[in-house]
Each structure stands twice: as C-alpha cells, then as structure tokens.
Amino acid sequence: MTIVESITYLNKIFKTKRWTDKDIDEHVFDNFCNLLNNLNDRARELIIELVERYQWINFIEYQEKIFSTLESVEDEKIENLKTVYLFPIVKFEDEGKAKSGMFLLYQIKVFKKLLVKYSKVEFKYVTKFEDLNNAHFQLKDNEAIFLIDDYIGSGETLNDCLKELKKNVNITNDKLNIICIAIQKDTSDLFVEDGISVYADYLSLKGISDFNDSPILEEKIQVMLEIERLIPGGSHFSLGYDGCEALITLARTPDNTFPIFWKRHRIGKQYFEAPFSREETVEL
C-alpha cells in the first residue's frame, strides 16, 4: 500500500467512524499521516487494517457508555435486588485517588434517577475497602456489588481489587458484577468462567490474533514487531501490555493498546508523536 493510498483510506476511515467530529481529530490524523509516511508498504497496510478496528471513546461519551452498560444488566437480576453497592476498581494502594472508576461513580450519581429499571434499587456508593472487606459486612440475598471502571485490560488491577475485597469471606463471586465501558474479551471470559458477571458496552478483541489464522497471523505479528523497532523502549510494551493487542483509546489510551498508537517513534534523530499519545490524554 503506497503512502497516497494509505492516507486516502485513512481519511475514509475517519469519516466512516465519525472521528472528524472529535475535538482533536486533525491532530490525530496528522500524526497518523506521519506514521504512515515513515513505514514501508506492508507495514502501512497493517496499520490501516488495525485503524479500521480501532475504538476511540471520548471523555464526553463516558456517561452515555456507562449508562448503556448499567441498562444491559438482565431485568430479572435487577428485579431481585434491593441494594447495590458500587465500588471503583482500584488497587489498594490507589484507594481514594482520582481514578476512572471513582469518576464514573460520580457520573452514576448524577443520572441514577434516569435508570428507570433501577427505580426500586438503592445505590450505595463505597470508596474504601475497609467498608466492604471487614467481617461485619455481609451481603443479603437481595444485595449485590457492582465494581466500576472505564476499561479493563489484562485484569491485573481487577484481580488486585478482588483479592482485597475477598478478605471478607462473605463476598462471593455470585454477588460480584463487573460494570465497565470496555474490557478485553479474553479477560472477560476468564472472570465469567469464575462465576463473576461482566457487563460492558464494548468487548475488545486482540487486534491481530483474533482476526487471523496461521500463517498470516505470524506474518502480521512479525510486521508489528518490525514497526515496534521504531519506538524507543517499545519492547517493554510489545503488542500491548501483557500481549493484549488492544485497539482502544478512552479518556487515556491504555498501555494494553499496541504501543505504536500511543508511544512516539523515531526515524534517525527525529521523533514523531503518536496518534493517541498517553501524555496528551486525560489520566483518571
């Protein structure tokens, strides 16, 4: 794919996905053009293929997306609930910090009255582990815990959160529900297998591995590894943190996303900014 062909195709993708409606679309588009210009034909083709699968969720879309996720919970489950404890997905050492889960808790407070199917359910907003993981806290049959976050990648933070909560033996998997805007499908499957319900507005697949079979799969992985050689320190996040191969940007691009999309690359002595730089997006 030539540079002209790739940029023409990129422009079509931006229009189809309505990325041209976003505030920083020109900045993102220009950085993509620089990237495509610095790649060979085979690498350009792979980047364009991945951009077609890319999910870009703006900060202003958060309320709409988490509202949709809450609405997706089965009616029969909600009908049997009287109280829901909402808790942000964080590591113990990050308790109380302004993380995305905490932000979404406040968003839910704002629109709770609009959640008609939850009209008979009381929401209790909890932000400290000690309020749930002590032995005195017990969930009744008509109560449940909703764990809230914008994106779940490898599940590392979620596992840390669950480990801390389960210091209370009364908290069992059947009482836990993951409520998020997006989650890696592989990660979601693991928690569902453990008996934890997962609800998300978007399930993120592995950008290369879930769309290709051998030998094409191995060929495209090799092309991506060649692209990553342009990134100083790119090997630390090769194929995305924990090999997630994610293709998603939210308020901040998660490091589970292929690093070429969020880490700057270098040609000779010149550096080029990434399309979805983590330094230029909001950290929650």
Protein backbone atom coordinates (compact mmCIF):
# COMPACT_ATOMS: atom_id res chain seq x y z
CA MET A 1 0.00 0.00 0.00
CA THR A 2 1.54 3.30 -1.11
CA ILE A 3 1.58 6.38 1.10
CA VAL A 4 -1.07 8.08 -1.05
CA GLU A 5 -3.35 5.02 -0.94
CA SER A 6 -2.95 4.66 2.82
CA ILE A 7 -3.75 8.31 3.59
CA THR A 8 -6.76 8.22 1.26
CA TYR A 9 -8.01 5.12 3.05
CA LEU A 10 -7.28 6.70 6.44
CA ASN A 11 -9.42 9.68 5.51
CA LYS A 12 -12.31 7.36 4.63
CA ILE A 13 -11.96 5.58 7.98
CA PHE A 14 -12.08 8.88 9.88
CA LYS A 15 -15.27 9.86 8.07
CA THR A 16 -16.91 6.43 8.44
CA LYS A 17 -16.15 6.29 12.16
CA ARG A 18 -17.15 9.96 12.53
CA TRP A 19 -13.80 10.70 14.12
CA THR A 20 -13.90 14.01 12.26
CA ASP A 21 -16.49 15.08 14.85
CA LYS A 22 -13.98 14.82 17.69
CA ASP A 23 -12.15 17.85 19.05
CA ILE A 24 -8.61 16.69 18.28
CA ASP A 25 -9.28 14.82 15.04
CA GLU A 26 -6.88 16.93 12.95
CA HIS A 27 -4.05 16.39 15.43
CA VAL A 28 -4.66 12.62 15.48
CA PHE A 29 -4.99 12.47 11.69
CA ASP A 30 -1.74 14.38 11.12
CA ASN A 31 0.16 12.09 13.48
CA PHE A 32 -1.24 9.06 11.66
CA CYS A 33 -0.07 10.54 8.36
CA ASN A 34 3.45 11.00 9.73
CA LEU A 35 3.46 7.42 10.94
CA LEU A 36 2.26 6.04 7.61
CA ASN A 37 4.87 8.11 5.79
CA ASN A 38 7.62 6.50 7.87
CA LEU A 39 6.57 2.90 7.16
CA ASN A 40 7.01 0.54 4.25
CA ASP A 41 4.07 -0.67 2.15
CA ARG A 42 3.48 -3.84 4.15
CA ALA A 43 3.54 -2.00 7.49
CA ARG A 44 1.18 0.69 6.19
CA GLU A 45 -1.31 -1.96 5.16
CA LEU A 46 -1.26 -3.49 8.65
CA ILE A 47 -1.70 -0.11 10.38
CA ILE A 48 -4.69 0.75 8.17
CA GLU A 49 -6.21 -2.67 8.89
CA LEU A 50 -5.85 -2.05 12.64
CA VAL A 51 -7.20 1.51 12.46
CA GLU A 52 -10.37 0.10 10.89
CA ARG A 53 -10.83 -1.97 14.07
CA TYR A 54 -9.82 0.83 16.45
CA GLN A 55 -12.25 2.10 19.08
CA TRP A 56 -11.93 5.74 20.14
CA ILE A 57 -14.16 6.63 23.10
CA ASN A 58 -14.11 10.29 24.01
CA PHE A 59 -14.24 11.57 27.58
CA ILE A 60 -17.61 13.20 26.87
CA GLU A 61 -19.04 9.79 25.87
CA TYR A 62 -18.38 8.25 29.29
CA GLN A 63 -21.79 8.98 30.79
CA GLU A 64 -23.63 7.57 27.77
CA LYS A 65 -21.49 4.42 27.71
CA ILE A 66 -21.69 3.57 31.43
CA PHE A 67 -25.44 4.29 31.35
CA SER A 68 -25.77 1.80 28.48
CA THR A 69 -23.77 -0.80 30.40
CA LEU A 70 -25.94 -0.50 33.50
CA GLU A 71 -29.04 -0.81 31.33
CA SER A 72 -27.68 -4.06 29.85
CA VAL A 73 -27.91 -5.90 33.18
CA GLU A 74 -30.67 -8.51 32.98
CA ASP A 75 -34.11 -7.37 34.14
CA GLU A 76 -34.57 -10.49 36.25
CA LYS A 77 -31.36 -9.76 38.16
CA ILE A 78 -32.38 -6.17 38.89
CA GLU A 79 -35.90 -7.21 39.92
CA ASN A 80 -34.40 -9.37 42.66
CA LEU A 81 -32.22 -6.59 44.04
CA LYS A 82 -32.99 -4.10 46.77
CA THR A 83 -29.49 -2.66 47.32
CA VAL A 84 -26.42 -2.33 45.09
CA TYR A 85 -23.03 -1.33 46.47
CA LEU A 86 -20.98 0.49 43.84
CA PHE A 87 -17.20 0.36 44.23
CA PRO A 88 -14.42 1.61 41.91
CA ILE A 89 -11.97 -0.94 40.54
CA VAL A 90 -8.65 0.17 42.03
CA LYS A 91 -5.62 -1.33 43.67
CA PHE A 92 -5.50 -0.99 47.44
CA GLU A 93 -2.61 1.50 47.25
CA ASP A 94 -4.67 3.68 44.89
CA GLU A 95 -7.69 3.86 47.18
CA GLY A 96 -9.16 7.35 47.24
CA LYS A 97 -7.20 8.57 44.19
CA ALA A 98 -8.96 10.23 41.26
CA LYS A 99 -9.12 7.13 39.08
CA SER A 100 -11.61 6.43 36.29
CA GLY A 101 -13.76 4.15 38.45
CA MET A 102 -14.15 6.93 41.01
CA PHE A 103 -15.10 9.42 38.29
CA LEU A 104 -17.74 7.05 36.92
CA LEU A 105 -19.24 6.62 40.39
CA TYR A 106 -19.96 10.34 40.45
CA GLN A 107 -21.38 10.16 36.93
CA ILE A 108 -23.76 7.41 38.01
CA LYS A 109 -24.88 9.53 40.96
CA VAL A 110 -25.87 12.25 38.50
CA PHE A 111 -28.05 10.10 36.24
CA LYS A 112 -29.26 7.44 38.69
CA LYS A 113 -32.79 8.87 38.59
CA LEU A 114 -32.84 8.22 34.82
CA LEU A 115 -32.20 4.50 35.29
CA VAL A 116 -35.85 3.53 35.28
CA LYS A 117 -35.23 -0.19 35.67
CA TYR A 118 -33.30 0.57 38.89
CA SER A 119 -36.07 2.76 40.37
CA LYS A 120 -36.65 0.31 43.22
CA VAL A 121 -32.95 -0.34 43.82
CA GLU A 122 -30.94 1.73 46.30
CA PHE A 123 -27.42 2.58 45.19
CA LYS A 124 -24.80 2.84 47.95
CA TYR A 125 -21.53 4.41 46.84
CA VAL A 126 -18.49 2.97 48.61
CA THR A 127 -14.90 4.13 48.09
CA LYS A 128 -12.98 2.45 50.93
CA PHE A 129 -12.04 -1.23 51.04
CA GLU A 130 -12.49 -1.32 54.79
CA ASP A 131 -16.22 -0.70 54.37
CA LEU A 132 -16.61 -3.98 52.47
CA ASN A 133 -13.77 -6.31 53.39
CA ASN A 134 -14.41 -6.38 57.13
CA ALA A 135 -16.13 -9.42 58.61
CA HIS A 136 -19.08 -7.34 59.82
CA PHE A 137 -20.18 -6.58 56.27
CA GLN A 138 -22.49 -9.25 54.88
CA LEU A 139 -24.50 -9.19 51.69
CA LYS A 140 -28.14 -10.16 51.91
CA ASP A 141 -29.87 -12.25 49.26
CA ASN A 142 -31.27 -9.13 47.64
CA GLU A 143 -27.97 -7.23 47.60
CA ALA A 144 -25.00 -7.20 45.22
CA ILE A 145 -21.74 -5.39 44.48
CA PHE A 146 -21.12 -3.54 41.21
CA LEU A 147 -17.42 -2.94 40.51
CA ILE A 148 -16.98 0.08 38.25
CA ASP A 149 -14.27 1.09 35.74
CA ASP A 150 -13.92 2.54 32.26
CA TYR A 151 -11.57 -0.11 30.79
CA ILE A 152 -10.23 -3.48 31.91
CA GLY A 153 -7.22 -4.80 30.04
CA SER A 154 -5.22 -7.72 31.38
CA GLY A 155 -7.34 -7.78 34.56
CA GLU A 156 -4.34 -7.16 36.81
CA THR A 157 -5.90 -4.21 38.67
CA LEU A 158 -9.23 -6.01 38.90
CA ASN A 159 -7.57 -9.08 40.40
CA ASP A 160 -5.81 -6.91 42.99
CA CYS A 161 -9.12 -5.26 43.83
CA LEU A 162 -10.89 -8.61 44.17
CA LYS A 163 -8.10 -10.01 46.33
CA GLU A 164 -8.53 -7.13 48.77
CA LEU A 165 -12.34 -7.39 48.81
CA LYS A 166 -12.28 -11.13 49.35
CA LYS A 167 -10.53 -10.73 52.63
CA ASN A 168 -14.17 -10.76 53.61
CA VAL A 169 -15.16 -14.39 53.07
CA ASN A 170 -18.79 -13.30 52.86
CA ILE A 171 -18.16 -11.71 49.45
CA THR A 172 -18.61 -14.49 46.91
CA ASN A 173 -18.30 -14.39 43.12
CA ASP A 174 -22.02 -14.76 42.52
CA LYS A 175 -22.54 -11.43 44.32
CA LEU A 176 -19.98 -9.58 42.19
CA ASN A 177 -20.71 -7.78 38.93
CA ILE A 178 -18.18 -6.00 36.72
CA ILE A 179 -19.61 -2.84 35.15
CA CYS A 180 -17.32 -1.14 32.64
CA ILE A 181 -17.26 0.77 29.39
CA ALA A 182 -14.84 -1.64 27.70
CA ILE A 183 -12.98 -4.85 28.52
CA GLN A 184 -10.68 -7.23 26.67
CA LYS A 185 -12.75 -10.25 25.64
CA ASP A 186 -10.14 -12.76 26.84
CA THR A 187 -10.14 -11.12 30.26
CA SER A 188 -13.94 -11.01 30.39
CA ASP A 189 -14.13 -14.72 29.58
CA LEU A 190 -11.81 -15.60 32.47
CA PHE A 191 -13.91 -13.75 35.05
CA VAL A 192 -17.16 -15.15 33.66
CA GLU A 193 -15.68 -18.65 33.98
CA ASP A 194 -15.05 -17.86 37.66
CA GLY A 195 -18.73 -17.04 38.11
CA ILE A 196 -18.42 -13.25 38.10
CA SER A 197 -20.90 -11.43 35.84
CA VAL A 198 -19.33 -8.98 33.39
CA TYR A 199 -21.19 -6.16 31.64
CA ALA A 200 -19.52 -3.86 29.12
CA ASP A 201 -20.54 -1.50 26.35
CA TYR A 202 -17.64 -2.78 24.23
CA LEU A 203 -15.72 -6.07 24.12
CA SER A 204 -12.20 -5.51 22.78
CA LEU A 205 -10.66 -8.31 20.71
CA LYS A 206 -6.96 -8.89 20.06
CA GLY A 207 -6.23 -6.72 17.06
CA ILE A 208 -4.20 -9.29 15.13
CA SER A 209 -4.57 -12.70 16.78
CA ASP A 210 -8.38 -12.72 16.88
CA PHE A 211 -8.71 -11.86 13.19
CA ASN A 212 -6.08 -14.01 11.51
CA ASP A 213 -5.09 -17.66 11.23
CA SER A 214 -1.67 -19.21 10.61
CA PRO A 215 0.49 -18.48 8.69
CA ILE A 216 -0.93 -14.97 8.09
CA LEU A 217 -1.16 -14.44 11.86
CA GLU A 218 2.56 -14.99 12.41
CA GLU A 219 3.42 -12.83 9.40
CA LYS A 220 1.41 -9.86 10.69
CA ILE A 221 2.81 -10.23 14.21
CA GLN A 222 6.28 -10.09 12.70
CA VAL A 223 5.38 -6.92 10.78
CA MET A 224 4.17 -5.31 14.01
CA LEU A 225 7.36 -6.30 15.81
CA GLU A 226 9.32 -4.63 13.00
CA ILE A 227 7.21 -1.48 13.40
CA GLU A 228 7.88 -1.51 17.16
CA ARG A 229 11.61 -1.28 16.50
CA LEU A 230 10.97 2.37 15.62
CA ILE A 231 9.80 3.01 19.21
CA PRO A 232 12.48 3.81 21.81
CA GLY A 233 11.75 1.42 24.66
CA GLY A 234 8.87 -0.13 22.73
CA SER A 235 9.86 -3.67 23.66
CA HIS A 236 8.59 -3.07 27.23
CA PHE A 237 5.02 -2.93 25.88
CA SER A 238 5.40 -5.15 22.82
CA LEU A 239 1.96 -5.96 21.34
CA GLY A 240 0.43 -4.01 24.22
CA TYR A 241 0.87 -4.66 27.93
CA ASP A 242 0.65 -8.40 28.67
CA GLY A 243 0.27 -9.03 24.93
CA CYS A 244 -3.32 -7.75 24.91
CA GLU A 245 -3.09 -6.42 21.33
CA ALA A 246 -5.74 -3.86 22.28
CA LEU A 247 -7.03 -1.26 19.83
CA ILE A 248 -8.73 1.29 22.04
CA THR A 249 -8.40 4.82 23.33
CA LEU A 250 -10.58 6.21 26.11
CA ALA A 251 -10.01 9.29 28.26
CA ARG A 252 -6.48 7.93 28.25
CA THR A 253 -5.03 5.32 25.91
CA PRO A 254 -4.37 2.16 27.96
CA ASP A 255 -0.91 0.65 27.70
CA ASN A 256 -2.63 -2.59 26.62
CA THR A 257 -3.03 -0.97 23.19
CA PHE A 258 -0.33 -1.63 20.58
CA PRO A 259 2.40 0.86 21.57
CA ILE A 260 2.78 2.31 18.06
CA PHE A 261 -0.56 4.04 18.63
CA TRP A 262 0.44 5.77 21.88
CA LYS A 263 4.26 5.92 22.03
CA ARG A 264 6.24 8.26 19.81
CA HIS A 265 8.55 6.70 17.25
CA ARG A 266 11.90 7.80 15.88
CA ILE A 267 13.41 7.97 12.41
CA GLY A 268 17.10 8.77 12.69
CA LYS A 269 17.29 11.60 15.22
CA GLN A 270 13.77 12.89 14.58
CA TYR A 271 10.87 11.96 16.87
CA PHE A 272 7.24 11.74 15.77
CA GLU A 273 4.29 12.00 18.14
CA ALA A 274 1.89 9.07 18.43
CA PRO A 275 -1.72 9.46 17.20
CA PHE A 276 -3.16 8.68 20.65
CA SER A 277 -0.34 9.75 22.95
CA ARG A 278 -0.91 8.86 26.61
CA GLU A 279 0.83 12.10 27.56
CA GLU A 280 -1.81 14.14 25.73
CA THR A 281 -4.89 12.37 27.03
CA VAL A 282 -6.60 12.69 30.40
CA GLU A 283 -5.44 10.43 33.23
CA LEU A 284 -8.24 9.49 35.58
